Amino acid sequence: MVSRRDPEAVLASLREGRFLIVGRAGMDLYPEPPGTRITEATKFTADLGGSAGNIAVAIARHGRDAALVSVLAHDAIGRFVAARLADYGVATDCLCFAEGEDQVMVRNSMALAESRPDDAEVVIYRNNAADMCLTPEHVAGLDLANVAGVVVTGTALSGAPSDKAVGDLANLAEGMQKPVIMDVDYRATAWPSSADAATACLAFARRCDIVVGNDAEFALLAKADATDIPAGESLARELAADGIIVIYKQGGDGCQLMQGTSVQTFGVFPVELAKPFGAGDAFLGTLLARLQDGLGLDAAIREGSAAAALVVSRTGCASAMPDADELAAFIAGFAADG
């Protein structure tokens, strides 16, 4: 936020209320059986997908109140997405279906994803994406009184009118002292260029209370090559020095928690990989849910890391999100082995 709040006050604000998650949700199709290439598949399993949808599911799996703020296509796939969200316990009262000309012009995103530990291909279709139709009028009608925090996935900033709607929602949250959490969620195909993405995402990140991204995403924000990890890490430290809670993810090397000039490192839970995606959504959703359960930031990060490991060890994505009992058993197993 422009008027920066103390990080402890931000964390205290997250303890109570519902989470609003802004961004994309769509249909994922997985070739069956696991390990099958898309080009060789004769049947697929359908599930909910999309970063914002998955984060919402991860929160709801812990019994916490999560609502997706998005626009769905006015067709069978849009209704499928709404139904699956409800099945997973995600509130759908902040959703709307495309109307007018958009009703026949836009579609929910669709992804075909291979459940393979190595060389897994993911094909994402986002032609005239419905979630980008989110309007300022829609967010103006949202009730933030009982909101713990607003989670924005970076793809929601990639075009109009969604970018304006997200900015307006951040203004509303700021006015009501509600934390704004950003998951950088960079998808190159969603943006006109990496430079456009860097400019928009960095400007928004500077307004947030918590920013979560991986090393390549922070390099992007620094307007550097994705391999220029030092530039990205330097920018992450700069944001932390400005009072933002920064969670800097490093894949198999774990993550760093940056607060002010303090940096803490966290490892990973090693597992046998089933697929290379879904970890980030599980991490952030579980982190927020466990903060609301009363855990400190350190402990919540460790549990988010455990959830990320569980998800990449399973097929599927939304369906792979662990509940509290599954997560506790998984962590206890590692403690016993240690």
C-alpha atoms as a PDB file:
ATOM      1  CA  MET A   1       0.000   0.000   0.000  1.00  0.00           C
ATOM      2  CA  VAL A   2       1.071   3.605  -0.503  1.00  0.00           C
ATOM      3  CA  SER A   3       0.532   4.239   3.206  1.00  0.00           C
ATOM      4  CA  ARG A   4       2.517   1.262   4.467  1.00  0.00           C
ATOM      5  CA  ARG A   5       1.192  -0.626   7.477  1.00  0.00           C
ATOM      6  CA  ASP A   6       3.257  -2.496  10.022  1.00  0.00           C
ATOM      7  CA  PRO A   7       3.654  -6.140   8.908  1.00  0.00           C
ATOM      8  CA  GLU A   8       2.324  -7.373  12.252  1.00  0.00           C
ATOM      9  CA  ALA A   9      -0.848  -5.365  11.705  1.00  0.00           C
ATOM     10  CA  VAL A  10      -1.163  -6.895   8.236  1.00  0.00           C
ATOM     11  CA  LEU A  11      -0.863 -10.420   9.634  1.00  0.00           C
ATOM     12  CA  ALA A  12      -3.360  -9.607  12.383  1.00  0.00           C
ATOM     13  CA  SER A  13      -5.847  -8.436   9.743  1.00  0.00           C
ATOM     14  CA  LEU A  14      -5.578 -11.809   7.997  1.00  0.00           C
ATOM     15  CA  ARG A  15      -6.719 -13.722  11.089  1.00  0.00           C
ATOM     16  CA  GLU A  16     -10.431 -13.232  10.585  1.00  0.00           C
ATOM     17  CA  GLY A  17     -12.870 -13.027   7.691  1.00  0.00           C
ATOM     18  CA  ARG A  18     -13.098 -14.303   4.138  1.00  0.00           C
ATOM     19  CA  PHE A  19     -10.508 -14.166   1.406  1.00  0.00           C
ATOM     20  CA  LEU A  20     -11.352 -12.677  -1.970  1.00  0.00           C
ATOM     21  CA  ILE A  21      -9.237 -14.181  -4.752  1.00  0.00           C
ATOM     22  CA  VAL A  22      -9.184 -12.274  -8.043  1.00  0.00           C
ATOM     23  CA  GLY A  23      -8.286 -13.856 -11.364  1.00  0.00           C
ATOM     24  CA  ARG A  24      -8.721 -16.788 -13.653  1.00  0.00           C
ATOM     25  CA  ALA A  25     -10.486 -20.097 -13.290  1.00  0.00           C
ATOM     26  CA  GLY A  26     -11.156 -22.556 -16.057  1.00  0.00           C
ATOM     27  CA  MET A  27     -11.256 -26.193 -17.067  1.00  0.00           C
ATOM     28  CA  ASP A  28      -8.207 -28.463 -16.875  1.00  0.00           C
ATOM     29  CA  LEU A  29      -8.049 -31.612 -18.965  1.00  0.00           C
ATOM     30  CA  TYR A  30      -5.611 -34.361 -17.962  1.00  0.00           C
ATOM     31  CA  PRO A  31      -4.719 -37.259 -20.311  1.00  0.00           C
ATOM     32  CA  GLU A  32      -5.505 -40.641 -18.815  1.00  0.00           C
ATOM     33  CA  PRO A  33      -3.856 -42.705 -17.520  1.00  0.00           C
ATOM     34  CA  PRO A  34      -1.225 -40.466 -15.835  1.00  0.00           C
ATOM     35  CA  GLY A  35       1.946 -40.312 -17.864  1.00  0.00           C
ATOM     36  CA  THR A  36       0.108 -40.279 -21.204  1.00  0.00           C
ATOM     37  CA  ARG A  37       1.143 -37.662 -23.738  1.00  0.00           C
ATOM     38  CA  ILE A  38      -1.543 -35.276 -24.978  1.00  0.00           C
ATOM     39  CA  THR A  39      -0.827 -36.379 -28.533  1.00  0.00           C
ATOM     40  CA  GLU A  40      -1.421 -40.022 -27.591  1.00  0.00           C
ATOM     41  CA  ALA A  41      -4.478 -39.572 -25.386  1.00  0.00           C
ATOM     42  CA  THR A  42      -7.852 -41.115 -26.107  1.00  0.00           C
ATOM     43  CA  LYS A  43      -9.536 -39.936 -22.918  1.00  0.00           C
ATOM     44  CA  PHE A  44      -9.174 -37.063 -20.471  1.00  0.00           C
ATOM     45  CA  THR A  45     -10.263 -36.252 -16.919  1.00  0.00           C
ATOM     46  CA  ALA A  46     -11.723 -32.789 -16.361  1.00  0.00           C
ATOM     47  CA  ASP A  47     -11.175 -30.654 -13.282  1.00  0.00           C
ATOM     48  CA  LEU A  48     -11.173 -27.053 -12.131  1.00  0.00           C
ATOM     49  CA  GLY A  49      -8.030 -25.127 -13.017  1.00  0.00           C
ATOM     50  CA  GLY A  50      -6.575 -21.640 -13.140  1.00  0.00           C
ATOM     51  CA  SER A  51      -4.330 -20.021 -10.563  1.00  0.00           C
ATOM     52  CA  ALA A  52      -6.962 -17.979  -8.706  1.00  0.00           C
ATOM     53  CA  GLY A  53      -9.401 -20.893  -8.672  1.00  0.00           C
ATOM     54  CA  ASN A  54      -6.751 -23.250  -7.315  1.00  0.00           C
ATOM     55  CA  ILE A  55      -5.684 -20.830  -4.576  1.00  0.00           C
ATOM     56  CA  ALA A  56      -9.309 -20.482  -3.518  1.00  0.00           C
ATOM     57  CA  VAL A  57      -9.680 -24.279  -3.379  1.00  0.00           C
ATOM     58  CA  ALA A  58      -6.501 -24.603  -1.296  1.00  0.00           C
ATOM     59  CA  ILE A  59      -7.945 -22.157   1.250  1.00  0.00           C
ATOM     60  CA  ALA A  60     -11.376 -23.796   1.278  1.00  0.00           C
ATOM     61  CA  ARG A  61      -9.866 -27.254   1.810  1.00  0.00           C
ATOM     62  CA  HIS A  62      -8.805 -26.017   5.241  1.00  0.00           C
ATOM     63  CA  GLY A  63     -12.338 -25.000   6.111  1.00  0.00           C
ATOM     64  CA  ARG A  64     -11.691 -21.312   5.565  1.00  0.00           C
ATOM     65  CA  ASP A  65     -13.969 -18.941   3.651  1.00  0.00           C
ATOM     66  CA  ALA A  66     -12.692 -18.171   0.158  1.00  0.00           C
ATOM     67  CA  ALA A  67     -14.612 -16.459  -2.645  1.00  0.00           C
ATOM     68  CA  LEU A  68     -13.481 -16.182  -6.244  1.00  0.00           C
ATOM     69  CA  VAL A  69     -13.898 -12.772  -7.883  1.00  0.00           C
ATOM     70  CA  SER A  70     -14.077 -13.413 -11.608  1.00  0.00           C
ATOM     71  CA  VAL A  71     -16.200 -13.519 -14.740  1.00  0.00           C
ATOM     72  CA  LEU A  72     -17.298 -16.821 -16.247  1.00  0.00           C
ATOM     73  CA  ALA A  73     -18.374 -17.564 -19.781  1.00  0.00           C
ATOM     74  CA  HIS A  74     -22.118 -17.907 -20.266  1.00  0.00           C
ATOM     75  CA  ASP A  75     -21.814 -21.494 -21.496  1.00  0.00           C
ATOM     76  CA  ALA A  76     -21.424 -25.069 -20.282  1.00  0.00           C
ATOM     77  CA  ILE A  77     -17.752 -24.632 -19.361  1.00  0.00           C
ATOM     78  CA  GLY A  78     -18.518 -21.533 -17.315  1.00  0.00           C
ATOM     79  CA  ARG A  79     -21.236 -23.457 -15.493  1.00  0.00           C
ATOM     80  CA  PHE A  80     -18.806 -26.354 -15.003  1.00  0.00           C
ATOM     81  CA  VAL A  81     -16.312 -23.990 -13.345  1.00  0.00           C
ATOM     82  CA  ALA A  82     -18.974 -22.540 -11.041  1.00  0.00           C
ATOM     83  CA  ALA A  83     -20.182 -26.018 -10.080  1.00  0.00           C
ATOM     84  CA  ARG A  84     -16.688 -27.320  -9.347  1.00  0.00           C
ATOM     85  CA  LEU A  85     -15.862 -24.271  -7.235  1.00  0.00           C
ATOM     86  CA  ALA A  86     -18.993 -24.898  -5.177  1.00  0.00           C
ATOM     87  CA  ASP A  87     -18.138 -28.611  -4.887  1.00  0.00           C
ATOM     88  CA  TYR A  88     -14.760 -27.667  -3.397  1.00  0.00           C
ATOM     89  CA  GLY A  89     -16.360 -25.261  -0.928  1.00  0.00           C
ATOM     90  CA  VAL A  90     -15.406 -22.010  -2.643  1.00  0.00           C
ATOM     91  CA  ALA A  91     -18.030 -19.271  -2.398  1.00  0.00           C
ATOM     92  CA  THR A  92     -19.465 -18.224  -5.758  1.00  0.00           C
ATOM     93  CA  ASP A  93     -21.417 -15.118  -4.735  1.00  0.00           C
ATOM     94  CA  CYS A  94     -18.701 -12.821  -6.127  1.00  0.00           C
ATOM     95  CA  LEU A  95     -18.808 -14.425  -9.580  1.00  0.00           C
ATOM     96  CA  CYS A  96     -20.741 -13.148 -12.552  1.00  0.00           C
ATOM     97  CA  PHE A  97     -21.448 -14.565 -15.999  1.00  0.00           C
ATOM     98  CA  ALA A  98     -20.622 -12.673 -19.175  1.00  0.00           C
ATOM     99  CA  GLU A  99     -23.505 -10.574 -20.507  1.00  0.00           C
ATOM    100  CA  GLY A 100     -24.410  -8.702 -23.671  1.00  0.00           C
ATOM    101  CA  GLU A 101     -21.910  -8.975 -26.525  1.00  0.00           C
ATOM    102  CA  ASP A 102     -19.438 -10.676 -24.189  1.00  0.00           C
ATOM    103  CA  GLN A 103     -21.909 -13.517 -23.693  1.00  0.00           C
ATOM    104  CA  VAL A 104     -21.091 -14.964 -27.101  1.00  0.00           C
ATOM    105  CA  MET A 105     -17.558 -13.591 -27.510  1.00  0.00           C
ATOM    106  CA  VAL A 106     -15.654 -14.734 -24.414  1.00  0.00           C
ATOM    107  CA  ARG A 107     -14.678 -18.125 -23.079  1.00  0.00           C
ATOM    108  CA  ASN A 108     -13.187 -19.506 -19.900  1.00  0.00           C
ATOM    109  CA  SER A 109      -9.588 -20.586 -20.150  1.00  0.00           C
ATOM    110  CA  MET A 110      -8.863 -24.228 -20.843  1.00  0.00           C
ATOM    111  CA  ALA A 111      -5.647 -26.113 -20.153  1.00  0.00           C
ATOM    112  CA  LEU A 112      -4.442 -29.516 -21.279  1.00  0.00           C
ATOM    113  CA  ALA A 113      -1.777 -30.714 -18.880  1.00  0.00           C
ATOM    114  CA  GLU A 114       0.292 -33.877 -18.817  1.00  0.00           C
ATOM    115  CA  SER A 115       0.831 -35.632 -15.473  1.00  0.00           C
ATOM    116  CA  ARG A 116       4.485 -36.470 -16.025  1.00  0.00           C
ATOM    117  CA  PRO A 117       7.469 -35.842 -13.739  1.00  0.00           C
ATOM    118  CA  ASP A 118       9.684 -34.711 -16.613  1.00  0.00           C
ATOM    119  CA  ASP A 119       9.012 -32.877 -19.855  1.00  0.00           C
ATOM    120  CA  ALA A 120       5.327 -32.367 -19.038  1.00  0.00           C
ATOM    121  CA  GLU A 121       3.599 -30.317 -21.695  1.00  0.00           C
ATOM    122  CA  VAL A 122       0.905 -27.822 -20.726  1.00  0.00           C
ATOM    123  CA  VAL A 123      -1.197 -26.130 -23.419  1.00  0.00           C
ATOM    124  CA  ILE A 124      -3.355 -23.209 -22.281  1.00  0.00           C
ATOM    125  CA  TYR A 125      -6.117 -21.615 -24.371  1.00  0.00           C
ATOM    126  CA  ARG A 126      -7.029 -18.061 -23.329  1.00  0.00           C
ATOM    127  CA  ASN A 127      -8.595 -16.615 -26.443  1.00  0.00           C
ATOM    128  CA  ASN A 128     -10.969 -13.793 -25.381  1.00  0.00           C
ATOM    129  CA  ALA A 129     -10.639 -14.893 -21.773  1.00  0.00           C
ATOM    130  CA  ALA A 130     -13.792 -14.357 -19.732  1.00  0.00           C
ATOM    131  CA  ASP A 131     -11.931 -13.380 -16.547  1.00  0.00           C
ATOM    132  CA  MET A 132     -10.470 -10.331 -18.297  1.00  0.00           C
ATOM    133  CA  CYS A 133     -14.027  -8.925 -18.527  1.00  0.00           C
ATOM    134  CA  LEU A 134     -14.071  -8.093 -14.802  1.00  0.00           C
ATOM    135  CA  THR A 135     -15.297  -4.492 -14.554  1.00  0.00           C
ATOM    136  CA  PRO A 136     -14.954  -1.651 -12.062  1.00  0.00           C
ATOM    137  CA  GLU A 137     -18.745  -1.778 -11.646  1.00  0.00           C
ATOM    138  CA  HIS A 138     -18.507  -5.389 -10.530  1.00  0.00           C
ATOM    139  CA  VAL A 139     -15.863  -4.801  -7.867  1.00  0.00           C
ATOM    140  CA  ALA A 140     -17.623  -1.642  -6.660  1.00  0.00           C
ATOM    141  CA  GLY A 141     -20.497  -3.864  -5.539  1.00  0.00           C
ATOM    142  CA  LEU A 142     -18.326  -6.168  -3.414  1.00  0.00           C
ATOM    143  CA  ASP A 143     -18.733  -6.120   0.352  1.00  0.00           C
ATOM    144  CA  LEU A 144     -15.323  -5.879   2.010  1.00  0.00           C
ATOM    145  CA  ALA A 145     -16.582  -5.493   5.569  1.00  0.00           C
ATOM    146  CA  ASN A 146     -15.850  -9.082   6.552  1.00  0.00           C
ATOM    147  CA  VAL A 147     -12.815  -9.600   4.320  1.00  0.00           C
ATOM    148  CA  ALA A 148      -9.518 -10.831   5.742  1.00  0.00           C
ATOM    149  CA  GLY A 149      -7.540 -10.030   2.612  1.00  0.00           C
ATOM    150  CA  VAL A 150      -7.706  -9.595  -1.154  1.00  0.00           C
ATOM    151  CA  VAL A 151      -5.510 -11.912  -3.230  1.00  0.00           C
ATOM    152  CA  VAL A 152      -4.684 -10.701  -6.745  1.00  0.00           C
ATOM    153  CA  THR A 153      -3.086 -12.968  -9.325  1.00  0.00           C
ATOM    154  CA  GLY A 154      -0.917 -11.052 -11.774  1.00  0.00           C
ATOM    155  CA  THR A 155      -2.691 -12.269 -14.898  1.00  0.00           C
ATOM    156  CA  ALA A 156      -5.693 -10.156 -13.845  1.00  0.00           C
ATOM    157  CA  LEU A 157      -3.570  -7.070 -14.601  1.00  0.00           C
ATOM    158  CA  SER A 158      -2.780  -8.101 -18.171  1.00  0.00           C
ATOM    159  CA  GLY A 159      -5.627  -6.332 -19.966  1.00  0.00           C
ATOM    160  CA  ALA A 160      -8.732  -4.167 -19.819  1.00  0.00           C
ATOM    161  CA  PRO A 161     -11.144  -3.793 -18.168  1.00  0.00           C
ATOM    162  CA  SER A 162      -9.792  -6.245 -15.560  1.00  0.00           C
ATOM    163  CA  ASP A 163      -6.692  -4.150 -14.834  1.00  0.00           C
ATOM    164  CA  LYS A 164      -8.816  -1.109 -13.948  1.00  0.00           C
ATOM    165  CA  ALA A 165     -11.158  -3.259 -11.845  1.00  0.00           C
ATOM    166  CA  VAL A 166      -8.236  -4.696  -9.889  1.00  0.00           C
ATOM    167  CA  GLY A 167      -6.842  -1.230  -9.275  1.00  0.00           C
ATOM    168  CA  ASP A 168     -10.212  -0.038  -7.999  1.00  0.00           C
ATOM    169  CA  LEU A 169     -10.506  -3.065  -5.721  1.00  0.00           C
ATOM    170  CA  ALA A 170      -7.061  -2.344  -4.289  1.00  0.00           C
ATOM    171  CA  ASN A 171      -8.196   1.226  -3.604  1.00  0.00           C
ATOM    172  CA  LEU A 172     -11.267  -0.065  -1.770  1.00  0.00           C
ATOM    173  CA  ALA A 173      -9.147  -2.472   0.249  1.00  0.00           C
ATOM    174  CA  GLU A 174      -6.681   0.268   1.141  1.00  0.00           C
ATOM    175  CA  GLY A 175      -9.481   2.536   2.306  1.00  0.00           C
ATOM    176  CA  MET A 176     -10.813  -0.184   4.603  1.00  0.00           C
ATOM    177  CA  GLN A 177      -7.369  -1.271   5.845  1.00  0.00           C
ATOM    178  CA  LYS A 178      -7.674  -4.713   4.246  1.00  0.00           C
ATOM    179  CA  PRO A 179      -4.419  -6.419   3.210  1.00  0.00           C
ATOM    180  CA  VAL A 180      -3.711  -6.929  -0.478  1.00  0.00           C
ATOM    181  CA  ILE A 181      -1.662  -9.985  -1.420  1.00  0.00           C
ATOM    182  CA  MET A 182      -0.148 -10.358  -4.881  1.00  0.00           C
ATOM    183  CA  ASP A 183       0.825 -13.619  -6.534  1.00  0.00           C
ATOM    184  CA  VAL A 184       2.891 -12.462  -9.521  1.00  0.00           C
ATOM    185  CA  ASP A 185       1.616 -15.449 -11.556  1.00  0.00           C
ATOM    186  CA  TYR A 186       3.411 -14.443 -14.752  1.00  0.00           C
ATOM    187  CA  ARG A 187       2.186 -16.180 -17.902  1.00  0.00           C
ATOM    188  CA  ALA A 188       3.944 -14.846 -20.983  1.00  0.00           C
ATOM    189  CA  THR A 189       1.049 -15.678 -23.309  1.00  0.00           C
ATOM    190  CA  ALA A 190      -1.288 -13.424 -21.315  1.00  0.00           C
ATOM    191  CA  TRP A 191       0.722 -10.252 -21.978  1.00  0.00           C
ATOM    192  CA  PRO A 192       1.573  -8.182 -25.070  1.00  0.00           C
ATOM    193  CA  SER A 193       5.215  -8.246 -23.940  1.00  0.00           C
ATOM    194  CA  SER A 194       7.382  -8.998 -20.917  1.00  0.00           C
ATOM    195  CA  ALA A 195       8.093  -5.262 -20.610  1.00  0.00           C
ATOM    196  CA  ASP A 196       4.363  -4.538 -20.294  1.00  0.00           C
ATOM    197  CA  ALA A 197       4.069  -7.252 -17.659  1.00  0.00           C
ATOM    198  CA  ALA A 198       7.039  -5.932 -15.697  1.00  0.00           C
ATOM    199  CA  THR A 199       5.737  -2.364 -15.666  1.00  0.00           C
ATOM    200  CA  ALA A 200       2.180  -3.234 -14.637  1.00  0.00           C
ATOM    201  CA  CYS A 201       3.059  -5.928 -12.107  1.00  0.00           C
ATOM    202  CA  LEU A 202       5.816  -3.937 -10.400  1.00  0.00           C
ATOM    203  CA  ALA A 203       3.592  -0.872 -10.069  1.00  0.00           C
ATOM    204  CA  PHE A 204       0.907  -3.008  -8.461  1.00  0.00           C
ATOM    205  CA  ALA A 205       3.379  -4.912  -6.267  1.00  0.00           C
ATOM    206  CA  ARG A 206       4.556  -1.652  -4.727  1.00  0.00           C
ATOM    207  CA  ARG A 207       0.984  -1.101  -3.488  1.00  0.00           C
ATOM    208  CA  CYS A 208       0.660  -4.498  -1.833  1.00  0.00           C
ATOM    209  CA  ASP A 209       1.187  -5.729   1.701  1.00  0.00           C
ATOM    210  CA  ILE A 210       2.461  -9.177   0.697  1.00  0.00           C
ATOM    211  CA  VAL A 211       4.085 -10.145  -2.617  1.00  0.00           C
ATOM    212  CA  VAL A 212       4.732 -13.767  -3.574  1.00  0.00           C
ATOM    213  CA  GLY A 213       6.682 -14.842  -6.644  1.00  0.00           C
ATOM    214  CA  ASN A 214       9.450 -17.085  -7.871  1.00  0.00           C
ATOM    215  CA  ASP A 215      12.975 -16.054  -8.793  1.00  0.00           C
ATOM    216  CA  ALA A 216      12.189 -15.769 -12.516  1.00  0.00           C
ATOM    217  CA  GLU A 217       9.133 -13.606 -11.774  1.00  0.00           C
ATOM    218  CA  PHE A 218      11.122 -11.202  -9.618  1.00  0.00           C
ATOM    219  CA  ALA A 219      13.727 -11.037 -12.387  1.00  0.00           C
ATOM    220  CA  LEU A 220      10.876 -10.085 -14.715  1.00  0.00           C
ATOM    221  CA  LEU A 221       9.755  -7.325 -12.336  1.00  0.00           C
ATOM    222  CA  ALA A 222      13.329  -6.038 -12.339  1.00  0.00           C
ATOM    223  CA  LYS A 223      13.032  -5.827 -16.149  1.00  0.00           C
ATOM    224  CA  ALA A 224      15.866  -8.308 -16.441  1.00  0.00           C
ATOM    225  CA  ASP A 225      16.236 -11.578 -18.245  1.00  0.00           C
ATOM    226  CA  ALA A 226      14.495 -14.438 -16.418  1.00  0.00           C
ATOM    227  CA  THR A 227      17.911 -15.993 -15.790  1.00  0.00           C
ATOM    228  CA  ASP A 228      19.229 -12.838 -14.100  1.00  0.00           C
ATOM    229  CA  ILE A 229      18.447 -14.113 -10.618  1.00  0.00           C
ATOM    230  CA  PRO A 230      20.624 -11.528  -8.775  1.00  0.00           C
ATOM    231  CA  ALA A 231      18.617  -8.647 -10.303  1.00  0.00           C
ATOM    232  CA  GLY A 232      15.340 -10.210  -9.198  1.00  0.00           C
ATOM    233  CA  GLU A 233      16.580 -10.973  -5.702  1.00  0.00           C
ATOM    234  CA  SER A 234      17.852  -7.413  -5.358  1.00  0.00           C
ATOM    235  CA  LEU A 235      14.424  -6.061  -6.301  1.00  0.00           C
ATOM    236  CA  ALA A 236      12.734  -8.418  -3.835  1.00  0.00           C
ATOM    237  CA  ARG A 237      14.975  -7.078  -1.069  1.00  0.00           C
ATOM    238  CA  GLU A 238      14.164  -3.526  -2.120  1.00  0.00           C
ATOM    239  CA  LEU A 239      10.427  -4.221  -1.808  1.00  0.00           C
ATOM    240  CA  ALA A 240      10.969  -5.804   1.607  1.00  0.00           C
ATOM    241  CA  ALA A 241      12.981  -2.798   2.767  1.00  0.00           C
ATOM    242  CA  ASP A 242       9.961  -0.676   1.841  1.00  0.00           C
ATOM    243  CA  GLY A 243       7.849  -2.617   4.349  1.00  0.00           C
ATOM    244  CA  ILE A 244       6.310  -5.253   2.070  1.00  0.00           C
ATOM    245  CA  ILE A 245       6.325  -8.868   3.234  1.00  0.00           C
ATOM    246  CA  VAL A 246       8.076 -10.668   0.364  1.00  0.00           C
ATOM    247  CA  ILE A 247       8.054 -14.423  -0.166  1.00  0.00           C
ATOM    248  CA  TYR A 248      10.709 -15.233  -2.747  1.00  0.00           C
ATOM    249  CA  LYS A 249      10.285 -18.770  -4.075  1.00  0.00           C
ATOM    250  CA  GLN A 250      13.251 -20.709  -5.428  1.00  0.00           C
ATOM    251  CA  GLY A 251      11.739 -23.970  -6.644  1.00  0.00           C
ATOM    252  CA  GLY A 252      13.621 -26.982  -5.347  1.00  0.00           C
ATOM    253  CA  ASP A 253      15.836 -24.711  -3.233  1.00  0.00           C
ATOM    254  CA  GLY A 254      12.912 -23.620  -1.055  1.00  0.00           C
ATOM    255  CA  CYS A 255      12.062 -19.981  -0.443  1.00  0.00           C
ATOM    256  CA  GLN A 256      13.128 -16.838   1.361  1.00  0.00           C
ATOM    257  CA  LEU A 257      10.986 -14.711   3.643  1.00  0.00           C
ATOM    258  CA  MET A 258      12.073 -11.081   3.417  1.00  0.00           C
ATOM    259  CA  GLN A 259      10.888  -8.537   5.975  1.00  0.00           C
ATOM    260  CA  GLY A 260      12.671  -5.219   6.248  1.00  0.00           C
ATOM    261  CA  THR A 261      16.353  -6.155   6.122  1.00  0.00           C
ATOM    262  CA  SER A 262      15.728  -9.608   7.615  1.00  0.00           C
ATOM    263  CA  VAL A 263      15.927 -12.700   5.401  1.00  0.00           C
ATOM    264  CA  GLN A 264      14.922 -16.212   6.515  1.00  0.00           C
ATOM    265  CA  THR A 265      15.393 -19.295   4.380  1.00  0.00           C
ATOM    266  CA  PHE A 266      13.119 -22.341   4.234  1.00  0.00           C
ATOM    267  CA  GLY A 267      13.747 -25.699   2.626  1.00  0.00           C
ATOM    268  CA  VAL A 268      11.424 -28.059   0.811  1.00  0.00           C
ATOM    269  CA  PHE A 269       9.808 -31.398   1.555  1.00  0.00           C
ATOM    270  CA  PRO A 270      11.404 -33.812  -0.931  1.00  0.00           C
ATOM    271  CA  VAL A 271       8.885 -36.017  -2.733  1.00  0.00           C
ATOM    272  CA  GLU A 272       8.678 -38.149  -5.838  1.00  0.00           C
ATOM    273  CA  LEU A 273       7.444 -35.811  -8.546  1.00  0.00           C
ATOM    274  CA  ALA A 274       4.238 -36.663 -10.403  1.00  0.00           C
ATOM    275  CA  LYS A 275       4.010 -33.333 -12.275  1.00  0.00           C
ATOM    276  CA  PRO A 276       5.769 -29.946 -12.156  1.00  0.00           C
ATOM    277  CA  PHE A 277       2.791 -27.584 -11.647  1.00  0.00           C
ATOM    278  CA  GLY A 278       0.310 -26.596  -8.939  1.00  0.00           C
ATOM    279  CA  ALA A 279       2.878 -26.062  -6.190  1.00  0.00           C
ATOM    280  CA  GLY A 280       2.619 -22.274  -6.091  1.00  0.00           C
ATOM    281  CA  ASP A 281      -1.171 -22.252  -5.786  1.00  0.00           C
ATOM    282  CA  ALA A 282      -1.075 -24.838  -3.004  1.00  0.00           C
ATOM    283  CA  PHE A 283       1.661 -22.901  -1.220  1.00  0.00           C
ATOM    284  CA  LEU A 284      -0.133 -19.555  -1.126  1.00  0.00           C
ATOM    285  CA  GLY A 285      -3.607 -20.908  -0.383  1.00  0.00           C
ATOM    286  CA  THR A 286      -2.363 -23.093   2.458  1.00  0.00           C
ATOM    287  CA  LEU A 287      -0.163 -20.307   3.833  1.00  0.00           C
ATOM    288  CA  LEU A 288      -3.145 -17.951   4.098  1.00  0.00           C
ATOM    289  CA  ALA A 289      -5.441 -20.594   5.580  1.00  0.00           C
ATOM    290  CA  ARG A 290      -2.895 -21.572   8.226  1.00  0.00           C
ATOM    291  CA  LEU A 291      -2.228 -17.941   9.133  1.00  0.00           C
ATOM    292  CA  GLN A 292      -5.944 -17.679   9.777  1.00  0.00           C
ATOM    293  CA  ASP A 293      -5.734 -20.818  11.908  1.00  0.00           C
ATOM    294  CA  GLY A 294      -3.394 -18.895  14.217  1.00  0.00           C
ATOM    295  CA  LEU A 295       0.026 -20.029  13.039  1.00  0.00           C
ATOM    296  CA  GLY A 296       2.911 -17.602  12.861  1.00  0.00           C
ATOM    297  CA  LEU A 297       4.342 -16.659   9.494  1.00  0.00           C
ATOM    298  CA  ASP A 298       7.311 -19.034   9.799  1.00  0.00           C
ATOM    299  CA  ALA A 299       5.130 -22.051  10.580  1.00  0.00           C
ATOM    300  CA  ALA A 300       2.577 -21.126   7.903  1.00  0.00           C
ATOM    301  CA  ILE A 301       5.332 -20.958   5.271  1.00  0.00           C
ATOM    302  CA  ARG A 302       6.531 -24.427   6.248  1.00  0.00           C
ATOM    303  CA  GLU A 303       2.997 -25.793   5.958  1.00  0.00           C
ATOM    304  CA  GLY A 304       2.571 -24.050   2.622  1.00  0.00           C
ATOM    305  CA  SER A 305       5.776 -25.729   1.470  1.00  0.00           C
ATOM    306  CA  ALA A 306       4.446 -29.103   2.622  1.00  0.00           C
ATOM    307  CA  ALA A 307       1.207 -28.561   0.699  1.00  0.00           C
ATOM    308  CA  ALA A 308       3.202 -27.645  -2.402  1.00  0.00           C
ATOM    309  CA  ALA A 309       5.165 -30.885  -2.109  1.00  0.00           C
ATOM    310  CA  LEU A 310       2.004 -32.929  -1.680  1.00  0.00           C
ATOM    311  CA  VAL A 311       0.389 -31.404  -4.756  1.00  0.00           C
ATOM    312  CA  VAL A 312       3.331 -32.055  -7.084  1.00  0.00           C
ATOM    313  CA  SER A 313       3.450 -35.652  -5.822  1.00  0.00           C
ATOM    314  CA  ARG A 314      -0.167 -36.176  -6.962  1.00  0.00           C
ATOM    315  CA  THR A 315      -1.979 -36.015 -10.264  1.00  0.00           C
ATOM    316  CA  GLY A 316      -4.480 -33.236 -10.841  1.00  0.00           C
ATOM    317  CA  CYS A 317      -4.331 -29.758  -9.364  1.00  0.00           C
ATOM    318  CA  ALA A 318      -7.482 -28.514  -7.591  1.00  0.00           C
ATOM    319  CA  SER A 319      -8.303 -32.113  -6.682  1.00  0.00           C
ATOM    320  CA  ALA A 320      -4.771 -32.554  -5.300  1.00  0.00           C
ATOM    321  CA  MET A 321      -5.044 -29.761  -2.717  1.00  0.00           C
ATOM    322  CA  PRO A 322      -4.702 -31.304   0.760  1.00  0.00           C
ATOM    323  CA  ASP A 323      -7.051 -30.697   3.657  1.00  0.00           C
ATOM    324  CA  ALA A 324      -5.804 -30.100   7.200  1.00  0.00           C
ATOM    325  CA  ASP A 325      -5.744 -33.780   8.179  1.00  0.00           C
ATOM    326  CA  GLU A 326      -3.846 -34.845   5.054  1.00  0.00           C
ATOM    327  CA  LEU A 327      -1.333 -32.075   5.542  1.00  0.00           C
ATOM    328  CA  ALA A 328      -0.797 -32.900   9.217  1.00  0.00           C
ATOM    329  CA  ALA A 329      -0.243 -36.582   8.429  1.00  0.00           C
ATOM    330  CA  PHE A 330       2.229 -35.707   5.673  1.00  0.00           C
ATOM    331  CA  ILE A 331       4.257 -33.389   7.929  1.00  0.00           C
ATOM    332  CA  ALA A 332       4.155 -35.916  10.790  1.00  0.00           C
ATOM    333  CA  GLY A 333       5.560 -38.548   8.439  1.00  0.00           C
ATOM    334  CA  PHE A 334       8.542 -36.350   7.680  1.00  0.00           C
ATOM    335  CA  ALA A 335       9.063 -35.602  11.376  1.00  0.00           C
ATOM    336  CA  ALA A 336       9.024 -39.315  12.182  1.00  0.00           C
ATOM    337  CA  ASP A 337      11.529 -40.067   9.416  1.00  0.00           C
ATOM    338  CA  GLY A 338      13.773 -37.302  10.683  1.00  0.00           C
END
